[in-house]
Protein backbone atom coordinates (compact mmCIF):
# COMPACT_ATOMS: atom_id res chain seq x y z
CA MET A 1 41.18 37.17 -104.17
CA PRO A 2 39.78 40.42 -102.71
CA TYR A 3 39.19 43.53 -104.73
CA VAL A 4 41.01 46.85 -104.44
CA ILE A 5 39.96 50.37 -105.42
CA THR A 6 42.71 52.11 -107.36
CA GLU A 7 43.67 55.77 -107.62
CA GLN A 8 41.14 56.29 -110.44
CA CYS A 9 38.63 56.74 -107.60
CA ILE A 10 40.37 59.95 -106.50
CA GLY A 11 38.34 62.89 -107.74
CA SER A 12 35.27 60.73 -108.36
CA LYS A 13 34.63 58.93 -105.08
CA ASP A 14 31.38 57.67 -106.57
CA THR A 15 29.48 55.58 -104.03
CA SER A 16 27.81 53.15 -106.44
CA CYS A 17 30.15 50.43 -105.17
CA TYR A 18 29.17 51.19 -101.58
CA ASP A 19 25.49 50.95 -102.50
CA VAL A 20 25.80 47.46 -104.04
CA CYS A 21 28.18 45.86 -101.53
CA PRO A 22 26.19 43.20 -99.63
CA VAL A 23 28.63 43.09 -96.69
CA ASP A 24 29.53 46.78 -96.21
CA ALA A 25 33.17 46.18 -97.15
CA ILE A 26 33.48 49.60 -98.85
CA GLN A 27 34.78 52.37 -96.59
CA PRO A 28 34.43 55.10 -95.58
CA SER A 29 30.65 55.16 -95.64
CA PRO A 30 29.11 58.19 -97.39
CA ASP A 31 27.22 59.12 -94.23
CA GLY A 32 30.19 58.59 -91.91
CA ASP A 33 32.07 61.36 -90.16
CA ASP A 34 35.32 60.51 -91.95
CA PHE A 35 33.97 60.41 -95.53
CA ASP A 36 35.30 63.86 -96.45
CA ARG A 37 38.72 63.18 -94.94
CA HIS A 38 39.62 60.55 -97.55
CA GLU A 39 40.42 61.08 -101.22
CA GLN A 40 38.95 57.76 -102.28
CA LEU A 41 37.03 54.70 -101.13
CA PHE A 42 38.64 51.46 -99.94
CA ILE A 43 37.62 47.79 -99.78
CA ASP A 44 38.17 45.91 -96.53
CA PRO A 45 39.90 42.68 -97.63
CA VAL A 46 38.65 40.85 -94.54
CA LEU A 47 35.00 41.70 -95.20
CA CYS A 48 35.08 41.39 -99.00
CA ILE A 49 33.32 38.22 -100.16
CA GLU A 50 34.52 38.65 -103.76
CA CYS A 51 31.00 38.77 -105.15
CA GLY A 52 32.03 40.98 -108.07
CA ALA A 53 29.23 43.51 -107.63
CA CYS A 54 31.47 46.55 -107.14
CA PRO A 55 33.59 46.53 -110.33
CA ALA A 56 30.44 46.23 -112.43
CA VAL A 57 29.01 49.52 -111.13
CA CYS A 58 32.15 51.66 -110.84
CA PRO A 59 31.76 54.51 -113.35
CA VAL A 60 35.52 55.17 -113.50
CA GLU A 61 36.56 51.48 -113.65
CA ALA A 62 38.73 51.84 -110.54
CA ILE A 63 38.04 48.43 -108.98
CA TYR A 64 40.08 45.30 -109.72
CA GLU A 65 40.84 41.96 -108.20
CA VAL A 66 44.23 42.33 -106.53
CA ALA A 67 45.89 40.01 -109.05
CA ASP A 68 44.51 42.07 -111.95
CA VAL A 69 45.48 45.58 -110.81
CA PRO A 70 47.32 47.24 -113.72
CA GLU A 71 51.05 47.75 -113.19
CA GLN A 72 50.71 51.54 -113.09
CA SER A 73 48.15 51.22 -110.27
CA ARG A 74 49.90 48.59 -108.11
CA ALA A 75 50.66 51.21 -105.41
CA SER A 76 46.92 51.23 -104.70
CA ILE A 77 47.26 47.79 -103.12
CA GLU A 78 49.61 49.21 -100.48
CA THR A 79 47.42 52.31 -100.03
CA ASN A 80 44.46 50.04 -99.31
CA ARG A 81 46.52 47.94 -96.89
CA ARG A 82 47.65 51.07 -95.02
CA HIS A 83 44.07 52.32 -94.78
CA PHE A 84 43.00 49.25 -92.87
CA ALA A 85 46.21 49.23 -90.81
CA GLY A 86 45.35 52.73 -89.59
CA GLY A 87 47.81 54.65 -91.75
CA ALA A 88 45.65 55.86 -94.62
CA THR A 89 46.34 59.03 -96.47
CA SER A 90 43.67 61.69 -96.16
CA THR A 91 42.85 65.06 -97.61
CA ALA A 92 42.43 66.75 -94.22
């Protein structure tokens, strides 16, 4: 089951997960034009190979397998889905 980055990433947006992802499933990229337009990072469920590298390095413990997302953070699953469907929320 793919991973999802929850709202705990907002305000941190630490890129440790991006740095360890072997398949570049974490978006937006820190050097990309749209990095500053988003409040948090997202994991592309199509690209994610479920290697488990990202949760281990997240300093705010914002990354979970979809099935394990805490109840109070379940809205993050839909936020992630919207991001990859082209309807992500942004700060700009």
